[in-house]
Amino acid sequence: MALLALLSSGPMTGYDVGKQFSASVGHVWHAPDSQIYPEMRRLNAEGLLSARPVPWGSRGATKTEYALTAEGEEELRRWQERPPTYVRERDPARLRAAYFEWAPPGAAAAQLRAHIAHHEEQRLQTLRVIDELQRRTQPTLARRLSRYPEQEQERIVAFKVFAYEGQLARVEQEIAWAKRGLELLDRLGEPEAAG
């Protein structure tokens, strides 16, 4: 569904999908290139995407351009009509935290600091994306907006910003949780808990 959503902004080659995926929907739905290309071929075989060769380079080479079909558009609509299916989460940070009593001195604090550093970077990245969305400079969004009348553009931008504000709230909660963990280690007298 993430690929169909991305391609709803307009036709793209597989290479462009790979680049745009990581710069747009990839912030909320991870997929490696090794998954993207086979999935596009599958969606094409199912009739949800069309594929056509387009010129590439100067020696008559081609690459494949994918576009959303009418069936793909309908599948996107059906997908939005259904509530998401939630799966039980696997959370390595919480699993480790539940058993910090087994951690050697300083290891629990190091893990929590790494958790904070990772999510602080995610926070900065999310703030950059929100800014690009609000300024309408994010490339995939700009491409999408060019296909819609002005009166619909505000709605499109608002939904994108709303999604990333949810991402921002999540990473900020992760940072706060890990900081509480460092305070707990300090309170319990765990070695190297501070700093």
N, C-alpha and C. Protein backbone atom coordinates (compact mmCIF):
# COMPACT_ATOMS: atom_id res chain seq x y z
N MET A 1 0.83 -1.19 0.00
CA MET A 1 0.00 0.00 0.00
C MET A 1 0.87 1.26 0.00
N ALA A 2 2.04 1.18 0.65
CA ALA A 2 2.93 2.33 0.67
C ALA A 2 3.41 2.65 -0.75
N LEU A 3 3.66 1.63 -1.55
CA LEU A 3 4.08 1.86 -2.94
C LEU A 3 2.94 2.45 -3.76
N LEU A 4 1.75 1.93 -3.59
CA LEU A 4 0.61 2.49 -4.33
C LEU A 4 0.40 3.95 -3.92
N ALA A 5 0.51 4.23 -2.63
CA ALA A 5 0.34 5.61 -2.17
C ALA A 5 1.39 6.52 -2.77
N LEU A 6 2.64 6.06 -2.80
CA LEU A 6 3.71 6.87 -3.38
C LEU A 6 3.47 7.11 -4.86
N LEU A 7 3.10 6.08 -5.58
CA LEU A 7 2.89 6.21 -7.03
C LEU A 7 1.61 6.97 -7.37
N SER A 8 0.78 7.23 -6.36
CA SER A 8 -0.41 8.05 -6.64
C SER A 8 -0.02 9.50 -6.91
N SER A 9 1.25 9.85 -6.66
CA SER A 9 1.72 11.20 -6.98
C SER A 9 2.10 11.33 -8.46
N GLY A 10 2.17 10.20 -9.18
CA GLY A 10 2.48 10.23 -10.60
C GLY A 10 3.44 9.11 -10.97
N PRO A 11 3.59 8.83 -12.28
CA PRO A 11 4.46 7.75 -12.74
C PRO A 11 5.92 7.97 -12.34
N MET A 12 6.61 6.87 -12.06
CA MET A 12 8.02 6.92 -11.70
C MET A 12 8.71 5.65 -12.15
N THR A 13 10.00 5.77 -12.42
CA THR A 13 10.80 4.57 -12.69
C THR A 13 11.08 3.88 -11.37
N GLY A 14 11.50 2.64 -11.45
CA GLY A 14 11.86 1.92 -10.23
C GLY A 14 12.93 2.63 -9.44
N TYR A 15 13.92 3.19 -10.14
CA TYR A 15 14.98 3.93 -9.48
C TYR A 15 14.41 5.13 -8.73
N ASP A 16 13.52 5.88 -9.39
CA ASP A 16 12.90 7.04 -8.75
C ASP A 16 12.04 6.63 -7.56
N VAL A 17 11.33 5.52 -7.68
CA VAL A 17 10.53 5.02 -6.56
C VAL A 17 11.43 4.75 -5.37
N GLY A 18 12.56 4.08 -5.61
CA GLY A 18 13.49 3.78 -4.53
C GLY A 18 13.99 5.04 -3.83
N LYS A 19 14.35 6.06 -4.61
CA LYS A 19 14.82 7.32 -4.04
C LYS A 19 13.70 8.04 -3.30
N GLN A 20 12.54 8.15 -3.94
CA GLN A 20 11.43 8.89 -3.34
C GLN A 20 10.85 8.16 -2.13
N PHE A 21 10.90 6.84 -2.15
CA PHE A 21 10.35 6.07 -1.03
C PHE A 21 11.04 6.46 0.26
N SER A 22 12.38 6.44 0.24
CA SER A 22 13.10 6.75 1.48
C SER A 22 12.94 8.20 1.90
N ALA A 23 12.63 9.09 0.95
CA ALA A 23 12.48 10.51 1.27
C ALA A 23 11.05 10.90 1.61
N SER A 24 10.11 9.97 1.47
CA SER A 24 8.71 10.32 1.77
C SER A 24 8.08 9.24 2.64
N VAL A 25 7.36 8.29 2.06
CA VAL A 25 6.68 7.29 2.88
C VAL A 25 7.62 6.43 3.70
N GLY A 26 8.89 6.39 3.31
CA GLY A 26 9.88 5.62 4.06
C GLY A 26 10.09 6.12 5.48
N HIS A 27 9.67 7.35 5.76
CA HIS A 27 9.76 7.85 7.13
C HIS A 27 8.74 7.19 8.04
N VAL A 28 7.66 6.67 7.47
CA VAL A 28 6.64 6.03 8.30
C VAL A 28 6.43 4.55 7.97
N TRP A 29 7.06 4.08 6.88
CA TRP A 29 6.94 2.66 6.52
C TRP A 29 8.24 2.22 5.87
N HIS A 30 9.07 1.49 6.60
CA HIS A 30 10.38 1.08 6.09
C HIS A 30 10.24 -0.09 5.12
N ALA A 31 10.95 0.01 4.02
CA ALA A 31 11.07 -1.11 3.07
C ALA A 31 12.40 -0.95 2.35
N PRO A 32 13.24 -1.99 2.36
CA PRO A 32 14.51 -1.91 1.64
C PRO A 32 14.29 -2.04 0.12
N ASP A 33 15.26 -1.56 -0.67
CA ASP A 33 15.18 -1.68 -2.13
C ASP A 33 14.94 -3.12 -2.56
N SER A 34 15.53 -4.06 -1.82
CA SER A 34 15.38 -5.47 -2.19
C SER A 34 13.93 -5.93 -2.08
N GLN A 35 13.11 -5.20 -1.34
CA GLN A 35 11.69 -5.52 -1.25
C GLN A 35 10.87 -4.70 -2.24
N ILE A 36 11.30 -3.47 -2.49
CA ILE A 36 10.53 -2.55 -3.33
C ILE A 36 10.40 -3.06 -4.77
N TYR A 37 11.50 -3.45 -5.39
CA TYR A 37 11.45 -3.85 -6.80
C TYR A 37 10.59 -5.10 -7.03
N PRO A 38 10.76 -6.16 -6.25
CA PRO A 38 9.87 -7.32 -6.45
C PRO A 38 8.40 -6.98 -6.19
N GLU A 39 8.16 -6.11 -5.21
CA GLU A 39 6.78 -5.75 -4.89
C GLU A 39 6.15 -4.96 -6.04
N MET A 40 6.92 -4.09 -6.70
CA MET A 40 6.37 -3.35 -7.85
C MET A 40 6.04 -4.31 -8.99
N ARG A 41 6.91 -5.29 -9.20
CA ARG A 41 6.62 -6.29 -10.25
C ARG A 41 5.34 -7.08 -9.90
N ARG A 42 5.18 -7.40 -8.62
CA ARG A 42 3.97 -8.13 -8.19
C ARG A 42 2.73 -7.27 -8.39
N LEU A 43 2.80 -5.99 -7.99
CA LEU A 43 1.66 -5.09 -8.16
C LEU A 43 1.31 -4.91 -9.63
N ASN A 44 2.34 -4.91 -10.48
CA ASN A 44 2.12 -4.84 -11.92
C ASN A 44 1.41 -6.11 -12.41
N ALA A 45 1.87 -7.26 -11.95
CA ALA A 45 1.25 -8.53 -12.36
C ALA A 45 -0.20 -8.61 -11.89
N GLU A 46 -0.52 -7.97 -10.77
CA GLU A 46 -1.89 -7.98 -10.25
C GLU A 46 -2.77 -6.91 -10.90
N GLY A 47 -2.17 -6.08 -11.77
CA GLY A 47 -2.95 -5.06 -12.46
C GLY A 47 -3.13 -3.77 -11.67
N LEU A 48 -2.44 -3.62 -10.56
CA LEU A 48 -2.56 -2.41 -9.75
C LEU A 48 -1.60 -1.32 -10.23
N LEU A 49 -0.56 -1.73 -10.93
CA LEU A 49 0.39 -0.80 -11.55
C LEU A 49 0.55 -1.17 -13.02
N SER A 50 0.76 -0.16 -13.85
CA SER A 50 1.15 -0.43 -15.23
C SER A 50 2.65 -0.22 -15.32
N ALA A 51 3.26 -0.82 -16.30
CA ALA A 51 4.71 -0.68 -16.50
C ALA A 51 4.97 -0.48 -17.98
N ARG A 52 5.87 0.46 -18.28
CA ARG A 52 6.25 0.69 -19.68
C ARG A 52 7.71 1.08 -19.74
N PRO A 53 8.39 0.68 -20.81
CA PRO A 53 9.80 1.07 -20.94
C PRO A 53 9.90 2.55 -21.32
N VAL A 54 10.86 3.24 -20.74
CA VAL A 54 11.14 4.64 -21.09
C VAL A 54 12.63 4.75 -21.39
N PRO A 55 13.00 5.66 -22.29
CA PRO A 55 14.42 5.81 -22.65
C PRO A 55 15.28 6.13 -21.43
N TRP A 56 16.49 5.59 -21.46
CA TRP A 56 17.44 5.83 -20.38
C TRP A 56 18.84 5.85 -20.98
N GLY A 57 19.55 6.93 -20.78
CA GLY A 57 20.90 7.03 -21.31
C GLY A 57 20.89 7.35 -22.79
N SER A 58 22.07 7.27 -23.39
CA SER A 58 22.22 7.69 -24.79
C SER A 58 22.38 6.52 -25.75
N ARG A 59 22.37 5.31 -25.31
CA ARG A 59 22.62 4.16 -26.18
C ARG A 59 21.38 3.32 -26.44
N GLY A 60 20.22 3.92 -26.34
CA GLY A 60 18.99 3.19 -26.62
C GLY A 60 18.51 2.30 -25.50
N ALA A 61 19.13 2.41 -24.33
CA ALA A 61 18.70 1.60 -23.19
C ALA A 61 17.36 2.13 -22.68
N THR A 62 16.66 1.28 -21.95
CA THR A 62 15.39 1.68 -21.34
C THR A 62 15.37 1.26 -19.88
N LYS A 63 14.47 1.89 -19.15
CA LYS A 63 14.16 1.43 -17.80
C LYS A 63 12.65 1.44 -17.68
N THR A 64 12.14 0.81 -16.66
CA THR A 64 10.70 0.64 -16.53
C THR A 64 10.11 1.78 -15.70
N GLU A 65 9.04 2.37 -16.23
CA GLU A 65 8.29 3.38 -15.50
C GLU A 65 6.98 2.76 -15.05
N TYR A 66 6.66 2.95 -13.78
CA TYR A 66 5.44 2.40 -13.21
C TYR A 66 4.43 3.52 -12.97
N ALA A 67 3.17 3.19 -13.13
CA ALA A 67 2.09 4.15 -12.88
C ALA A 67 0.92 3.40 -12.24
N LEU A 68 0.19 4.12 -11.44
CA LEU A 68 -1.00 3.58 -10.80
C LEU A 68 -2.09 3.37 -11.85
N THR A 69 -2.70 2.20 -11.86
CA THR A 69 -3.82 1.94 -12.76
C THR A 69 -5.12 2.34 -12.07
N ALA A 70 -6.22 2.30 -12.81
CA ALA A 70 -7.53 2.56 -12.21
C ALA A 70 -7.80 1.54 -11.09
N GLU A 71 -7.38 0.28 -11.32
CA GLU A 71 -7.56 -0.74 -10.28
C GLU A 71 -6.71 -0.42 -9.06
N GLY A 72 -5.51 0.13 -9.28
CA GLY A 72 -4.65 0.53 -8.17
C GLY A 72 -5.26 1.67 -7.37
N GLU A 73 -5.85 2.63 -8.08
CA GLU A 73 -6.54 3.73 -7.40
C GLU A 73 -7.70 3.21 -6.56
N GLU A 74 -8.45 2.28 -7.13
CA GLU A 74 -9.58 1.70 -6.40
C GLU A 74 -9.09 0.93 -5.17
N GLU A 75 -7.98 0.23 -5.30
CA GLU A 75 -7.42 -0.51 -4.16
C GLU A 75 -6.99 0.46 -3.05
N LEU A 76 -6.42 1.60 -3.42
CA LEU A 76 -6.07 2.62 -2.42
C LEU A 76 -7.32 3.12 -1.70
N ARG A 77 -8.40 3.32 -2.43
CA ARG A 77 -9.66 3.76 -1.79
C ARG A 77 -10.20 2.70 -0.84
N ARG A 78 -10.20 1.44 -1.29
CA ARG A 78 -10.68 0.34 -0.43
C ARG A 78 -9.82 0.24 0.83
N TRP A 79 -8.53 0.40 0.66
CA TRP A 79 -7.60 0.34 1.80
C TRP A 79 -7.95 1.41 2.82
N GLN A 80 -8.29 2.61 2.37
CA GLN A 80 -8.63 3.70 3.28
C GLN A 80 -9.99 3.49 3.94
N GLU A 81 -10.83 2.69 3.37
CA GLU A 81 -12.14 2.42 3.96
C GLU A 81 -12.06 1.49 5.16
N ARG A 82 -11.00 0.69 5.24
CA ARG A 82 -10.86 -0.30 6.31
C ARG A 82 -9.94 0.24 7.41
N PRO A 83 -10.29 0.00 8.68
CA PRO A 83 -9.35 0.38 9.74
C PRO A 83 -8.10 -0.50 9.66
N PRO A 84 -6.97 0.01 10.15
CA PRO A 84 -5.75 -0.79 10.08
C PRO A 84 -5.86 -2.04 10.94
N THR A 85 -5.12 -3.06 10.55
CA THR A 85 -5.00 -4.27 11.35
C THR A 85 -3.77 -4.10 12.23
N TYR A 86 -3.97 -4.18 13.52
CA TYR A 86 -2.84 -4.01 14.43
C TYR A 86 -2.24 -5.37 14.75
N VAL A 87 -0.93 -5.42 14.77
CA VAL A 87 -0.23 -6.66 15.10
C VAL A 87 0.47 -6.48 16.44
N ARG A 88 0.70 -7.56 17.09
CA ARG A 88 1.42 -7.49 18.36
C ARG A 88 2.83 -7.00 18.09
N GLU A 89 3.27 -6.09 18.92
CA GLU A 89 4.54 -5.42 18.70
C GLU A 89 5.71 -6.22 19.27
N ARG A 90 6.83 -6.13 18.58
CA ARG A 90 8.09 -6.64 19.10
C ARG A 90 8.93 -5.41 19.41
N ASP A 91 9.26 -5.21 20.66
CA ASP A 91 9.93 -4.00 21.08
C ASP A 91 11.24 -4.36 21.79
N PRO A 92 12.35 -4.36 21.05
CA PRO A 92 13.62 -4.78 21.65
C PRO A 92 14.07 -3.89 22.81
N ALA A 93 13.78 -2.59 22.75
CA ALA A 93 14.20 -1.70 23.84
C ALA A 93 13.45 -2.02 25.13
N ARG A 94 12.15 -2.26 25.04
CA ARG A 94 11.36 -2.57 26.25
C ARG A 94 11.72 -3.97 26.77
N LEU A 95 11.98 -4.89 25.86
CA LEU A 95 12.37 -6.24 26.29
C LEU A 95 13.67 -6.18 27.08
N ARG A 96 14.66 -5.45 26.57
CA ARG A 96 15.92 -5.32 27.29
C ARG A 96 15.71 -4.63 28.64
N ALA A 97 14.92 -3.54 28.63
CA ALA A 97 14.71 -2.78 29.87
C ALA A 97 14.06 -3.64 30.95
N ALA A 98 13.19 -4.54 30.56
CA ALA A 98 12.52 -5.41 31.53
C ALA A 98 13.51 -6.35 32.23
N TYR A 99 14.70 -6.53 31.64
CA TYR A 99 15.69 -7.46 32.20
C TYR A 99 17.04 -6.78 32.42
N PHE A 100 17.02 -5.48 32.72
CA PHE A 100 18.26 -4.75 32.98
C PHE A 100 19.05 -5.34 34.16
N GLU A 101 18.39 -6.09 35.03
CA GLU A 101 19.13 -6.68 36.15
C GLU A 101 20.25 -7.62 35.67
N TRP A 102 20.17 -8.08 34.42
CA TRP A 102 21.19 -8.96 33.86
C TRP A 102 22.31 -8.18 33.16
N ALA A 103 22.14 -6.88 33.03
CA ALA A 103 23.13 -6.07 32.31
C ALA A 103 24.38 -5.85 33.15
N PRO A 104 25.55 -5.94 32.53
CA PRO A 104 26.78 -5.63 33.27
C PRO A 104 26.81 -4.14 33.63
N PRO A 105 27.64 -3.73 34.57
CA PRO A 105 27.69 -2.33 34.99
C PRO A 105 27.84 -1.37 33.81
N GLY A 106 26.99 -0.39 33.78
CA GLY A 106 27.04 0.63 32.75
C GLY A 106 26.32 0.30 31.46
N ALA A 107 26.00 -0.98 31.22
CA ALA A 107 25.40 -1.38 29.95
C ALA A 107 23.98 -0.83 29.79
N ALA A 108 23.20 -0.86 30.86
CA ALA A 108 21.82 -0.35 30.77
C ALA A 108 21.83 1.13 30.45
N ALA A 109 22.69 1.89 31.12
CA ALA A 109 22.78 3.33 30.85
C ALA A 109 23.23 3.58 29.41
N ALA A 110 24.18 2.81 28.93
CA ALA A 110 24.67 2.97 27.55
C ALA A 110 23.54 2.69 26.56
N GLN A 111 22.75 1.67 26.84
CA GLN A 111 21.63 1.36 25.94
C GLN A 111 20.61 2.49 25.93
N LEU A 112 20.31 3.04 27.08
CA LEU A 112 19.34 4.14 27.16
C LEU A 112 19.87 5.40 26.47
N ARG A 113 21.18 5.67 26.63
CA ARG A 113 21.76 6.83 25.94
C ARG A 113 21.71 6.63 24.43
N ALA A 114 21.97 5.41 23.97
CA ALA A 114 21.90 5.12 22.53
C ALA A 114 20.46 5.29 22.03
N HIS A 115 19.51 4.89 22.85
CA HIS A 115 18.09 5.03 22.50
C HIS A 115 17.74 6.52 22.35
N ILE A 116 18.22 7.32 23.29
CA ILE A 116 17.97 8.76 23.23
C ILE A 116 18.62 9.35 21.98
N ALA A 117 19.87 9.02 21.72
CA ALA A 117 20.57 9.57 20.55
C ALA A 117 19.86 9.20 19.25
N HIS A 118 19.43 7.95 19.14
CA HIS A 118 18.72 7.51 17.92
C HIS A 118 17.44 8.32 17.74
N HIS A 119 16.67 8.45 18.80
CA HIS A 119 15.39 9.14 18.67
C HIS A 119 15.53 10.66 18.56
N GLU A 120 16.61 11.20 19.10
CA GLU A 120 16.86 12.63 18.88
C GLU A 120 17.15 12.90 17.41
N GLU A 121 17.90 11.99 16.77
CA GLU A 121 18.15 12.13 15.32
C GLU A 121 16.84 11.98 14.54
N GLN A 122 16.00 11.02 14.94
CA GLN A 122 14.70 10.84 14.30
C GLN A 122 13.83 12.09 14.48
N ARG A 123 13.91 12.69 15.66
CA ARG A 123 13.14 13.91 15.93
C ARG A 123 13.56 15.04 14.99
N LEU A 124 14.87 15.24 14.84
CA LEU A 124 15.36 16.29 13.94
C LEU A 124 14.93 16.02 12.50
N GLN A 125 15.04 14.76 12.09
CA GLN A 125 14.64 14.39 10.73
C GLN A 125 13.14 14.64 10.52
N THR A 126 12.33 14.29 11.50
CA THR A 126 10.89 14.50 11.40
C THR A 126 10.54 15.97 11.36
N LEU A 127 11.23 16.78 12.17
CA LEU A 127 11.01 18.22 12.14
C LEU A 127 11.36 18.80 10.77
N ARG A 128 12.43 18.29 10.15
CA ARG A 128 12.80 18.75 8.80
C ARG A 128 11.72 18.40 7.79
N VAL A 129 11.19 17.19 7.89
CA VAL A 129 10.14 16.77 6.96
C VAL A 129 8.89 17.64 7.16
N ILE A 130 8.50 17.88 8.40
CA ILE A 130 7.32 18.71 8.66
C ILE A 130 7.52 20.10 8.07
N ASP A 131 8.71 20.65 8.24
CA ASP A 131 9.00 21.97 7.68
C ASP A 131 8.89 21.95 6.16
N GLU A 132 9.46 20.93 5.52
CA GLU A 132 9.38 20.81 4.06
C GLU A 132 7.94 20.67 3.60
N LEU A 133 7.15 19.91 4.34
CA LEU A 133 5.74 19.74 3.99
C LEU A 133 4.99 21.06 4.12
N GLN A 134 5.21 21.76 5.22
CA GLN A 134 4.50 23.02 5.43
C GLN A 134 4.90 24.07 4.39
N ARG A 135 6.18 24.05 3.99
CA ARG A 135 6.64 24.99 2.96
C ARG A 135 6.36 24.47 1.55
N ARG A 136 5.87 23.21 1.47
CA ARG A 136 5.54 22.55 0.20
C ARG A 136 6.76 22.37 -0.70
N THR A 137 7.90 22.13 -0.08
CA THR A 137 9.13 21.92 -0.84
C THR A 137 9.56 20.46 -0.87
N GLN A 138 8.89 19.60 -0.13
CA GLN A 138 9.23 18.18 -0.14
C GLN A 138 8.93 17.67 -1.55
N PRO A 139 9.90 17.05 -2.25
CA PRO A 139 9.75 16.73 -3.68
C PRO A 139 8.51 15.89 -4.03
N THR A 140 8.24 14.84 -3.28
CA THR A 140 7.08 14.00 -3.60
C THR A 140 5.79 14.78 -3.39
N LEU A 141 5.73 15.57 -2.34
CA LEU A 141 4.53 16.38 -2.09
C LEU A 141 4.36 17.42 -3.20
N ALA A 142 5.43 18.09 -3.58
CA ALA A 142 5.34 19.10 -4.65
C ALA A 142 4.83 18.46 -5.94
N ARG A 143 5.32 17.27 -6.23
CA ARG A 143 4.86 16.54 -7.43
C ARG A 143 3.37 16.22 -7.31
N ARG A 144 2.96 15.75 -6.14
CA ARG A 144 1.55 15.41 -5.91
C ARG A 144 0.67 16.65 -6.05
N LEU A 145 1.08 17.75 -5.42
CA LEU A 145 0.26 18.97 -5.43
C LEU A 145 0.07 19.51 -6.83
N SER A 146 1.06 19.31 -7.69
CA SER A 146 0.94 19.83 -9.07
C SER A 146 -0.19 19.16 -9.83
N ARG A 147 -0.68 18.03 -9.33
CA ARG A 147 -1.74 17.29 -9.99
C ARG A 147 -3.14 17.63 -9.46
N TYR A 148 -3.20 18.52 -8.45
CA TYR A 148 -4.47 18.82 -7.82
C TYR A 148 -4.76 20.32 -7.88
N PRO A 149 -6.05 20.68 -7.92
CA PRO A 149 -6.39 22.11 -7.88
C PRO A 149 -6.03 22.72 -6.53
N GLU A 150 -5.81 24.02 -6.51
CA GLU A 150 -5.39 24.75 -5.31
C GLU A 150 -6.29 24.47 -4.11
N GLN A 151 -7.61 24.38 -4.32
CA GLN A 151 -8.53 24.20 -3.20
C GLN A 151 -8.35 22.85 -2.50
N GLU A 152 -7.76 21.85 -3.17
CA GLU A 152 -7.53 20.55 -2.54
C GLU A 152 -6.14 20.44 -1.92
N GLN A 153 -5.24 21.34 -2.27
CA GLN A 153 -3.86 21.23 -1.82
C GLN A 153 -3.71 21.40 -0.31
N GLU A 154 -4.46 22.32 0.27
CA GLU A 154 -4.36 22.54 1.72
C GLU A 154 -4.72 21.27 2.49
N ARG A 155 -5.72 20.58 2.04
CA ARG A 155 -6.16 19.33 2.67
C ARG A 155 -5.07 18.26 2.59
N ILE A 156 -4.46 18.15 1.41
CA ILE A 156 -3.39 17.16 1.20
C ILE A 156 -2.22 17.46 2.14
N VAL A 157 -1.81 18.72 2.21
CA VAL A 157 -0.69 19.11 3.08
C VAL A 157 -1.05 18.84 4.54
N ALA A 158 -2.25 19.19 4.94
CA ALA A 158 -2.67 19.02 6.34
C ALA A 158 -2.60 17.55 6.76
N PHE A 159 -3.02 16.63 5.90
CA PHE A 159 -2.96 15.21 6.24
C PHE A 159 -1.52 14.73 6.38
N LYS A 160 -0.63 15.18 5.49
CA LYS A 160 0.77 14.78 5.57
C LYS A 160 1.39 15.30 6.87
N VAL A 161 1.16 16.57 7.18
CA VAL A 161 1.71 17.16 8.41
C VAL A 161 1.16 16.42 9.63
N PHE A 162 -0.14 16.12 9.64
CA PHE A 162 -0.75 15.39 10.74
C PHE A 162 -0.04 14.05 10.98
N ALA A 163 0.26 13.32 9.91
CA ALA A 163 0.93 12.03 10.04
C ALA A 163 2.31 12.19 10.68
N TYR A 164 3.06 13.18 10.23
CA TYR A 164 4.40 13.37 10.76
C TYR A 164 4.39 13.97 12.16
N GLU A 165 3.36 14.71 12.51
CA GLU A 165 3.23 15.17 13.89
C GLU A 165 3.03 13.97 14.82
N GLY A 166 2.35 12.95 14.35
CA GLY A 166 2.22 11.71 15.13
C GLY A 166 3.56 11.03 15.31
N GLN A 167 4.36 11.02 14.24
CA GLN A 167 5.71 10.47 14.31
C GLN A 167 6.55 11.27 15.31
N LEU A 168 6.43 12.60 15.28
CA LEU A 168 7.16 13.46 16.20
C LEU A 168 6.78 13.18 17.65
N ALA A 169 5.49 13.04 17.91
CA ALA A 169 5.03 12.73 19.26
C ALA A 169 5.61 11.41 19.75
N ARG A 170 5.69 10.43 18.85
CA ARG A 170 6.22 9.12 19.22
C ARG A 170 7.70 9.21 19.59
N VAL A 171 8.50 9.89 18.78
CA VAL A 171 9.93 9.95 19.09
C VAL A 171 10.18 10.78 20.35
N GLU A 172 9.40 11.82 20.56
CA GLU A 172 9.55 12.60 21.79
C GLU A 172 9.20 11.76 23.02
N GLN A 173 8.21 10.90 22.91
CA GLN A 173 7.86 10.00 24.01
C GLN A 173 9.00 9.01 24.26
N GLU A 174 9.62 8.52 23.20
CA GLU A 174 10.74 7.57 23.35
C GLU A 174 11.91 8.23 24.08
N ILE A 175 12.21 9.49 23.75
CA ILE A 175 13.28 10.22 24.42
C ILE A 175 12.95 10.38 25.90
N ALA A 176 11.72 10.80 26.20
CA ALA A 176 11.30 11.00 27.60
C ALA A 176 11.36 9.68 28.37
N TRP A 177 10.96 8.57 27.75
CA TRP A 177 10.99 7.27 28.41
C TRP A 177 12.42 6.88 28.77
N ALA A 178 13.33 7.04 27.84
CA ALA A 178 14.73 6.66 28.11
C ALA A 178 15.35 7.57 29.16
N LYS A 179 15.00 8.84 29.18
CA LYS A 179 15.50 9.74 30.23
C LYS A 179 14.97 9.32 31.60
N ARG A 180 13.71 8.89 31.66
CA ARG A 180 13.18 8.37 32.92
C ARG A 180 13.95 7.11 33.35
N GLY A 181 14.34 6.31 32.36
CA GLY A 181 15.14 5.12 32.66
C GLY A 181 16.49 5.48 33.27
N LEU A 182 17.14 6.51 32.72
CA LEU A 182 18.42 6.96 33.30
C LEU A 182 18.22 7.46 34.73
N GLU A 183 17.13 8.17 34.97
CA GLU A 183 16.81 8.63 36.33
C GLU A 183 16.58 7.44 37.27
N LEU A 184 15.91 6.40 36.76
CA LEU A 184 15.67 5.20 37.56
C LEU A 184 16.99 4.53 37.91
N LEU A 185 17.88 4.40 36.94
CA LEU A 185 19.18 3.79 37.21
C LEU A 185 19.95 4.58 38.26
N ASP A 186 19.88 5.89 38.15
CA ASP A 186 20.56 6.76 39.13
C ASP A 186 19.96 6.55 40.52
N ARG A 187 18.64 6.52 40.59
CA ARG A 187 17.95 6.34 41.87
C ARG A 187 18.29 4.98 42.49
N LEU A 188 18.45 3.96 41.65
CA LEU A 188 18.76 2.61 42.15
C LEU A 188 20.25 2.44 42.43
N GLY A 189 21.04 3.47 42.12
CA GLY A 189 22.47 3.39 42.39
C GLY A 189 23.24 2.55 41.40
N GLU A 190 22.71 2.40 40.19
CA GLU A 190 23.40 1.60 39.18
C GLU A 190 24.67 2.32 38.73
N PRO A 191 25.77 1.61 38.51
CA PRO A 191 27.01 2.24 38.07
C PRO A 191 26.86 2.96 36.72
N GLU A 192 27.52 4.09 36.61
CA GLU A 192 27.58 4.86 35.36
C GLU A 192 26.21 5.26 34.85
N ALA A 193 25.24 5.43 35.73
CA ALA A 193 23.90 5.80 35.30
C ALA A 193 23.83 7.24 34.85
N ALA A 194 24.61 8.10 35.45
CA ALA A 194 24.59 9.52 35.07
C ALA A 194 25.60 9.77 33.96
N GLY A 195 25.34 10.83 33.15
CA GLY A 195 26.31 11.23 32.12
C GLY A 195 26.04 10.62 30.89
